[in-house]
Amino acid sequence: MKKKLLLSILGMAAVSAFGQGFINLDNYNYPGGIVTYGAGFPLNGVSGPLGTPGTGVNSAWTMGIYWALGTPSISDPGSIGTPLAPLALGTGPGSTAPYAGAGPGIFLASQYFPVPGSSIGQVCTFEVIAYPTSAGSYAAAMYRGHSSPFTLTLMAGNALPPTANVGPAFTTFWATPIPEPTTLALAGLGACLWMAWVRRKKF
């Protein structure tokens, strides 16, 4: 009987140690970084969301997460680009968080996000993303931004208080309008002309 009890306790400990790992997409209860408007705002109500550079985003925005198992070396400072591989977009319950209503740039997910293929106590890498909810996704957004990479030690899905909180872990970043394709094309043409001019001057 004692042997069965001991094996049962060891089994529960193993499940606890190697169960699914979670994070909490929350900078409301656990403050730290916030999401702000960057250069290019304010915009008018037709072309894009209103906002004052340096202030936190409002209720028109959604925050989400990109993740990677472990601690891969990722040189990806905050920007409007797509987070770099091996970071993958978090999907499903707890992977996005709406504006929390407590103040600009503050958000709170409805539940913890289960990191696929992970275990409790594992260290993983993340980036927070932000985009207007009306865009439907980060990829489709014309105004967006993401944080630089950070790490969290994953917790159990019933952890109270939660320990793997995004808020204190990420650094404040800003969302900006994405340049239109014509703007990028003109910039590329200008760079080519400049390189040709420099080359001609050398010879």
C-alpha atoms as a PDB file:
ATOM      1  CA  MET A   1       0.000   0.000   0.000  1.00  0.00           C
ATOM      2  CA  LYS A   2       2.815   2.397   0.941  1.00  0.00           C
ATOM      3  CA  LYS A   3       4.644   1.518  -2.282  1.00  0.00           C
ATOM      4  CA  LYS A   4       1.531   2.354  -4.360  1.00  0.00           C
ATOM      5  CA  LEU A   5       1.107   5.648  -2.523  1.00  0.00           C
ATOM      6  CA  LEU A   6       4.754   6.562  -3.118  1.00  0.00           C
ATOM      7  CA  LEU A   7       4.500   5.700  -6.827  1.00  0.00           C
ATOM      8  CA  SER A   8       1.308   7.772  -7.091  1.00  0.00           C
ATOM      9  CA  ILE A   9       3.005  10.802  -5.506  1.00  0.00           C
ATOM     10  CA  LEU A  10       6.026  10.416  -7.786  1.00  0.00           C
ATOM     11  CA  GLY A  11       3.722  10.131 -10.784  1.00  0.00           C
ATOM     12  CA  MET A  12       1.902  13.358  -9.889  1.00  0.00           C
ATOM     13  CA  ALA A  13       5.230  15.115  -9.393  1.00  0.00           C
ATOM     14  CA  ALA A  14       6.375  13.965 -12.838  1.00  0.00           C
ATOM     15  CA  VAL A  15       3.161  15.266 -14.440  1.00  0.00           C
ATOM     16  CA  SER A  16       3.606  18.564 -12.617  1.00  0.00           C
ATOM     17  CA  ALA A  17       7.236  18.883 -13.729  1.00  0.00           C
ATOM     18  CA  PHE A  18       6.662  17.917 -17.345  1.00  0.00           C
ATOM     19  CA  GLY A  19       3.123  19.163 -18.003  1.00  0.00           C
ATOM     20  CA  GLN A  20       2.126  21.803 -20.546  1.00  0.00           C
ATOM     21  CA  GLY A  21       3.836  25.177 -20.070  1.00  0.00           C
ATOM     22  CA  PHE A  22       1.901  28.484 -20.139  1.00  0.00           C
ATOM     23  CA  ILE A  23       2.488  32.247 -20.167  1.00  0.00           C
ATOM     24  CA  ASN A  24       0.238  35.151 -19.191  1.00  0.00           C
ATOM     25  CA  LEU A  25      -0.229  37.892 -21.820  1.00  0.00           C
ATOM     26  CA  ASP A  26      -0.807  40.637 -19.256  1.00  0.00           C
ATOM     27  CA  ASN A  27       0.692  44.043 -18.475  1.00  0.00           C
ATOM     28  CA  TYR A  28      -2.368  45.151 -16.473  1.00  0.00           C
ATOM     29  CA  ASN A  29      -2.000  43.118 -13.261  1.00  0.00           C
ATOM     30  CA  TYR A  30       1.754  42.779 -13.820  1.00  0.00           C
ATOM     31  CA  PRO A  31       2.926  46.119 -15.277  1.00  0.00           C
ATOM     32  CA  GLY A  32       6.103  46.769 -17.201  1.00  0.00           C
ATOM     33  CA  GLY A  33       6.394  47.559 -20.904  1.00  0.00           C
ATOM     34  CA  ILE A  34       3.549  49.184 -22.818  1.00  0.00           C
ATOM     35  CA  VAL A  35       2.618  49.568 -26.492  1.00  0.00           C
ATOM     36  CA  THR A  36       2.765  53.135 -27.819  1.00  0.00           C
ATOM     37  CA  TYR A  37       2.138  55.096 -31.011  1.00  0.00           C
ATOM     38  CA  GLY A  38       5.309  55.868 -32.955  1.00  0.00           C
ATOM     39  CA  ALA A  39       6.296  58.220 -35.760  1.00  0.00           C
ATOM     40  CA  GLY A  40       3.618  58.675 -38.416  1.00  0.00           C
ATOM     41  CA  PHE A  41       0.713  59.317 -36.041  1.00  0.00           C
ATOM     42  CA  PRO A  42      -1.753  60.940 -35.717  1.00  0.00           C
ATOM     43  CA  LEU A  43      -3.612  59.768 -38.803  1.00  0.00           C
ATOM     44  CA  ASN A  44      -7.117  60.725 -39.843  1.00  0.00           C
ATOM     45  CA  GLY A  45     -10.136  58.518 -39.405  1.00  0.00           C
ATOM     46  CA  VAL A  46     -10.120  57.473 -43.067  1.00  0.00           C
ATOM     47  CA  SER A  47      -6.488  56.442 -43.559  1.00  0.00           C
ATOM     48  CA  GLY A  48      -5.793  54.937 -40.171  1.00  0.00           C
ATOM     49  CA  PRO A  49      -6.120  54.990 -36.379  1.00  0.00           C
ATOM     50  CA  LEU A  50      -5.669  58.198 -34.430  1.00  0.00           C
ATOM     51  CA  GLY A  51      -2.863  58.434 -31.921  1.00  0.00           C
ATOM     52  CA  THR A  52      -0.235  60.729 -30.481  1.00  0.00           C
ATOM     53  CA  PRO A  53       3.404  59.553 -30.710  1.00  0.00           C
ATOM     54  CA  GLY A  54       4.711  58.447 -27.332  1.00  0.00           C
ATOM     55  CA  THR A  55       1.300  57.703 -25.832  1.00  0.00           C
ATOM     56  CA  GLY A  56      -0.117  54.214 -25.337  1.00  0.00           C
ATOM     57  CA  VAL A  57      -2.412  52.637 -27.910  1.00  0.00           C
ATOM     58  CA  ASN A  58      -6.155  52.600 -27.235  1.00  0.00           C
ATOM     59  CA  SER A  59      -9.057  50.147 -27.421  1.00  0.00           C
ATOM     60  CA  ALA A  60      -8.846  49.932 -31.241  1.00  0.00           C
ATOM     61  CA  TRP A  61      -5.746  47.704 -30.891  1.00  0.00           C
ATOM     62  CA  THR A  62      -5.045  44.023 -30.254  1.00  0.00           C
ATOM     63  CA  MET A  63      -1.837  42.590 -28.792  1.00  0.00           C
ATOM     64  CA  GLY A  64      -0.532  39.108 -29.533  1.00  0.00           C
ATOM     65  CA  ILE A  65       2.510  36.879 -29.213  1.00  0.00           C
ATOM     66  CA  TYR A  66       5.204  35.169 -31.283  1.00  0.00           C
ATOM     67  CA  TRP A  67       7.075  32.329 -29.569  1.00  0.00           C
ATOM     68  CA  ALA A  68       9.960  29.849 -29.913  1.00  0.00           C
ATOM     69  CA  LEU A  69      11.003  26.955 -27.695  1.00  0.00           C
ATOM     70  CA  GLY A  70      14.248  27.500 -25.822  1.00  0.00           C
ATOM     71  CA  THR A  71      16.503  30.508 -26.230  1.00  0.00           C
ATOM     72  CA  PRO A  72      17.557  30.716 -29.886  1.00  0.00           C
ATOM     73  CA  SER A  73      19.871  33.587 -30.805  1.00  0.00           C
ATOM     74  CA  ILE A  74      17.564  36.130 -32.479  1.00  0.00           C
ATOM     75  CA  SER A  75      18.753  39.592 -33.483  1.00  0.00           C
ATOM     76  CA  ASP A  76      15.382  41.222 -34.025  1.00  0.00           C
ATOM     77  CA  PRO A  77      14.940  44.665 -32.444  1.00  0.00           C
ATOM     78  CA  GLY A  78      11.422  46.063 -32.210  1.00  0.00           C
ATOM     79  CA  SER A  79      10.074  47.124 -35.614  1.00  0.00           C
ATOM     80  CA  ILE A  80       7.132  46.842 -38.019  1.00  0.00           C
ATOM     81  CA  GLY A  81       8.550  43.712 -39.684  1.00  0.00           C
ATOM     82  CA  THR A  82       7.442  40.123 -39.170  1.00  0.00           C
ATOM     83  CA  PRO A  83       9.216  38.515 -36.184  1.00  0.00           C
ATOM     84  CA  LEU A  84      12.076  36.336 -37.394  1.00  0.00           C
ATOM     85  CA  ALA A  85      12.193  32.512 -37.497  1.00  0.00           C
ATOM     86  CA  PRO A  86      12.173  30.350 -35.485  1.00  0.00           C
ATOM     87  CA  LEU A  87       9.597  32.594 -33.792  1.00  0.00           C
ATOM     88  CA  ALA A  88       6.080  31.432 -34.699  1.00  0.00           C
ATOM     89  CA  LEU A  89       2.749  33.224 -34.358  1.00  0.00           C
ATOM     90  CA  GLY A  90       0.798  32.208 -31.268  1.00  0.00           C
ATOM     91  CA  THR A  91      -2.757  31.122 -32.079  1.00  0.00           C
ATOM     92  CA  GLY A  92      -5.780  29.993 -30.110  1.00  0.00           C
ATOM     93  CA  PRO A  93      -7.071  30.937 -26.648  1.00  0.00           C
ATOM     94  CA  GLY A  94      -4.813  33.265 -24.674  1.00  0.00           C
ATOM     95  CA  SER A  95      -2.630  34.145 -27.679  1.00  0.00           C
ATOM     96  CA  THR A  96      -4.141  37.623 -28.113  1.00  0.00           C
ATOM     97  CA  ALA A  97      -5.096  40.293 -25.605  1.00  0.00           C
ATOM     98  CA  PRO A  98      -7.424  43.273 -25.988  1.00  0.00           C
ATOM     99  CA  TYR A  99      -6.974  46.695 -24.435  1.00  0.00           C
ATOM    100  CA  ALA A 100      -7.643  46.345 -20.711  1.00  0.00           C
ATOM    101  CA  GLY A 101      -9.307  49.742 -20.226  1.00  0.00           C
ATOM    102  CA  ALA A 102      -7.002  50.623 -17.331  1.00  0.00           C
ATOM    103  CA  GLY A 103      -4.871  53.042 -19.319  1.00  0.00           C
ATOM    104  CA  PRO A 104      -3.238  53.558 -22.736  1.00  0.00           C
ATOM    105  CA  GLY A 105      -1.057  50.669 -23.913  1.00  0.00           C
ATOM    106  CA  ILE A 106      -2.372  48.257 -21.260  1.00  0.00           C
ATOM    107  CA  PHE A 107      -3.720  44.805 -22.215  1.00  0.00           C
ATOM    108  CA  LEU A 108      -4.948  41.578 -20.612  1.00  0.00           C
ATOM    109  CA  ALA A 109      -5.700  38.159 -22.135  1.00  0.00           C
ATOM    110  CA  SER A 110      -8.771  36.207 -20.995  1.00  0.00           C
ATOM    111  CA  GLN A 111      -6.665  33.139 -20.094  1.00  0.00           C
ATOM    112  CA  TYR A 112      -3.111  31.796 -20.068  1.00  0.00           C
ATOM    113  CA  PHE A 113      -1.505  30.891 -23.418  1.00  0.00           C
ATOM    114  CA  PRO A 114      -0.335  27.240 -23.731  1.00  0.00           C
ATOM    115  CA  VAL A 115       3.005  27.213 -25.572  1.00  0.00           C
ATOM    116  CA  PRO A 116       2.855  24.265 -28.029  1.00  0.00           C
ATOM    117  CA  GLY A 117       5.265  21.413 -27.304  1.00  0.00           C
ATOM    118  CA  SER A 118       6.525  23.011 -24.107  1.00  0.00           C
ATOM    119  CA  SER A 119       6.742  21.922 -20.473  1.00  0.00           C
ATOM    120  CA  ILE A 120       6.460  23.632 -17.105  1.00  0.00           C
ATOM    121  CA  GLY A 121       9.741  25.232 -16.065  1.00  0.00           C
ATOM    122  CA  GLN A 122      11.082  25.438 -19.626  1.00  0.00           C
ATOM    123  CA  VAL A 123      12.591  28.754 -20.726  1.00  0.00           C
ATOM    124  CA  CYS A 124      11.183  30.035 -24.043  1.00  0.00           C
ATOM    125  CA  THR A 125      11.563  33.138 -26.213  1.00  0.00           C
ATOM    126  CA  PHE A 126       8.783  35.574 -27.118  1.00  0.00           C
ATOM    127  CA  GLU A 127       7.916  38.837 -28.858  1.00  0.00           C
ATOM    128  CA  VAL A 128       4.755  40.891 -28.260  1.00  0.00           C
ATOM    129  CA  ILE A 129       2.977  42.218 -31.372  1.00  0.00           C
ATOM    130  CA  ALA A 130       0.373  44.983 -31.792  1.00  0.00           C
ATOM    131  CA  TYR A 131      -2.041  45.813 -34.611  1.00  0.00           C
ATOM    132  CA  PRO A 132      -5.439  47.517 -35.097  1.00  0.00           C
ATOM    133  CA  THR A 133      -8.166  44.976 -34.358  1.00  0.00           C
ATOM    134  CA  SER A 134      -9.990  46.007 -37.544  1.00  0.00           C
ATOM    135  CA  ALA A 135      -7.066  44.668 -39.627  1.00  0.00           C
ATOM    136  CA  GLY A 136      -7.865  41.132 -38.519  1.00  0.00           C
ATOM    137  CA  SER A 137      -4.220  40.079 -38.111  1.00  0.00           C
ATOM    138  CA  TYR A 138      -0.690  41.374 -37.708  1.00  0.00           C
ATOM    139  CA  ALA A 139       0.219  40.234 -41.225  1.00  0.00           C
ATOM    140  CA  ALA A 140      -2.649  42.202 -42.814  1.00  0.00           C
ATOM    141  CA  ALA A 141      -2.180  45.365 -40.739  1.00  0.00           C
ATOM    142  CA  MET A 142      -0.974  48.608 -42.312  1.00  0.00           C
ATOM    143  CA  TYR A 143      -0.110  49.953 -38.846  1.00  0.00           C
ATOM    144  CA  ARG A 144       1.705  47.636 -36.469  1.00  0.00           C
ATOM    145  CA  GLY A 145       4.773  46.917 -34.367  1.00  0.00           C
ATOM    146  CA  HIS A 146       6.525  44.241 -32.322  1.00  0.00           C
ATOM    147  CA  SER A 147       8.811  44.141 -29.304  1.00  0.00           C
ATOM    148  CA  SER A 148      12.381  42.879 -29.182  1.00  0.00           C
ATOM    149  CA  PRO A 149      12.829  39.230 -28.036  1.00  0.00           C
ATOM    150  CA  PHE A 150      12.600  38.311 -24.357  1.00  0.00           C
ATOM    151  CA  THR A 151      12.488  35.071 -22.353  1.00  0.00           C
ATOM    152  CA  LEU A 152      10.090  33.634 -19.779  1.00  0.00           C
ATOM    153  CA  THR A 153      10.127  30.503 -17.627  1.00  0.00           C
ATOM    154  CA  LEU A 154       6.850  28.704 -18.321  1.00  0.00           C
ATOM    155  CA  MET A 155       4.320  28.015 -15.568  1.00  0.00           C
ATOM    156  CA  ALA A 156       1.481  25.573 -14.984  1.00  0.00           C
ATOM    157  CA  GLY A 157      -1.947  26.412 -16.376  1.00  0.00           C
ATOM    158  CA  ASN A 158      -3.422  26.687 -12.875  1.00  0.00           C
ATOM    159  CA  ALA A 159      -0.601  28.800 -11.416  1.00  0.00           C
ATOM    160  CA  LEU A 160      -1.845  31.339  -8.869  1.00  0.00           C
ATOM    161  CA  PRO A 161      -0.396  33.833  -8.781  1.00  0.00           C
ATOM    162  CA  PRO A 162       0.872  33.500 -12.362  1.00  0.00           C
ATOM    163  CA  THR A 163       4.650  33.724 -12.644  1.00  0.00           C
ATOM    164  CA  ALA A 164       5.230  33.851 -16.426  1.00  0.00           C
ATOM    165  CA  ASN A 165       3.879  37.350 -17.017  1.00  0.00           C
ATOM    166  CA  VAL A 166       4.673  39.215 -20.230  1.00  0.00           C
ATOM    167  CA  GLY A 167       4.299  42.716 -18.732  1.00  0.00           C
ATOM    168  CA  PRO A 168       7.553  42.930 -16.728  1.00  0.00           C
ATOM    169  CA  ALA A 169       9.460  40.930 -19.366  1.00  0.00           C
ATOM    170  CA  PHE A 170       9.102  43.026 -22.525  1.00  0.00           C
ATOM    171  CA  THR A 171      10.403  46.513 -23.243  1.00  0.00           C
ATOM    172  CA  THR A 172       8.044  49.294 -24.355  1.00  0.00           C
ATOM    173  CA  PHE A 173       7.787  49.446 -28.150  1.00  0.00           C
ATOM    174  CA  TRP A 174       5.851  51.498 -30.693  1.00  0.00           C
ATOM    175  CA  ALA A 175       3.534  50.805 -33.597  1.00  0.00           C
ATOM    176  CA  THR A 176       3.968  52.793 -36.815  1.00  0.00           C
ATOM    177  CA  PRO A 177       2.391  52.934 -40.292  1.00  0.00           C
ATOM    178  CA  ILE A 178       3.949  50.550 -42.816  1.00  0.00           C
ATOM    179  CA  PRO A 179       5.395  52.429 -45.817  1.00  0.00           C
ATOM    180  CA  GLU A 180       3.300  52.000 -48.980  1.00  0.00           C
ATOM    181  CA  PRO A 181       4.861  49.871 -51.754  1.00  0.00           C
ATOM    182  CA  THR A 182       5.394  52.962 -53.922  1.00  0.00           C
ATOM    183  CA  THR A 183       7.343  54.611 -51.105  1.00  0.00           C
ATOM    184  CA  LEU A 184       9.539  51.531 -50.748  1.00  0.00           C
ATOM    185  CA  ALA A 185      10.071  51.377 -54.515  1.00  0.00           C
ATOM    186  CA  LEU A 186      11.155  55.029 -54.624  1.00  0.00           C
ATOM    187  CA  ALA A 187      13.497  54.470 -51.698  1.00  0.00           C
ATOM    188  CA  GLY A 188      15.034  51.474 -53.483  1.00  0.00           C
ATOM    189  CA  LEU A 189      15.426  53.463 -56.716  1.00  0.00           C
ATOM    190  CA  GLY A 190      17.091  56.281 -54.805  1.00  0.00           C
ATOM    191  CA  ALA A 191      19.536  53.843 -53.205  1.00  0.00           C
ATOM    192  CA  CYS A 192      20.413  52.361 -56.622  1.00  0.00           C
ATOM    193  CA  LEU A 193      21.015  55.801 -58.139  1.00  0.00           C
ATOM    194  CA  TRP A 194      23.194  56.806 -55.208  1.00  0.00           C
ATOM    195  CA  MET A 195      25.296  53.615 -55.531  1.00  0.00           C
ATOM    196  CA  ALA A 196      25.685  54.208 -59.285  1.00  0.00           C
ATOM    197  CA  TRP A 197      26.783  57.800 -58.645  1.00  0.00           C
ATOM    198  CA  VAL A 198      29.351  56.694 -56.048  1.00  0.00           C
ATOM    199  CA  ARG A 199      30.692  54.000 -58.387  1.00  0.00           C
ATOM    200  CA  ARG A 200      30.990  56.476 -61.276  1.00  0.00           C
ATOM    201  CA  LYS A 201      32.778  58.992 -59.059  1.00  0.00           C
ATOM    202  CA  LYS A 202      35.388  56.377 -58.081  1.00  0.00           C
ATOM    203  CA  PHE A 203      36.196  55.602 -61.694  1.00  0.00           C
END
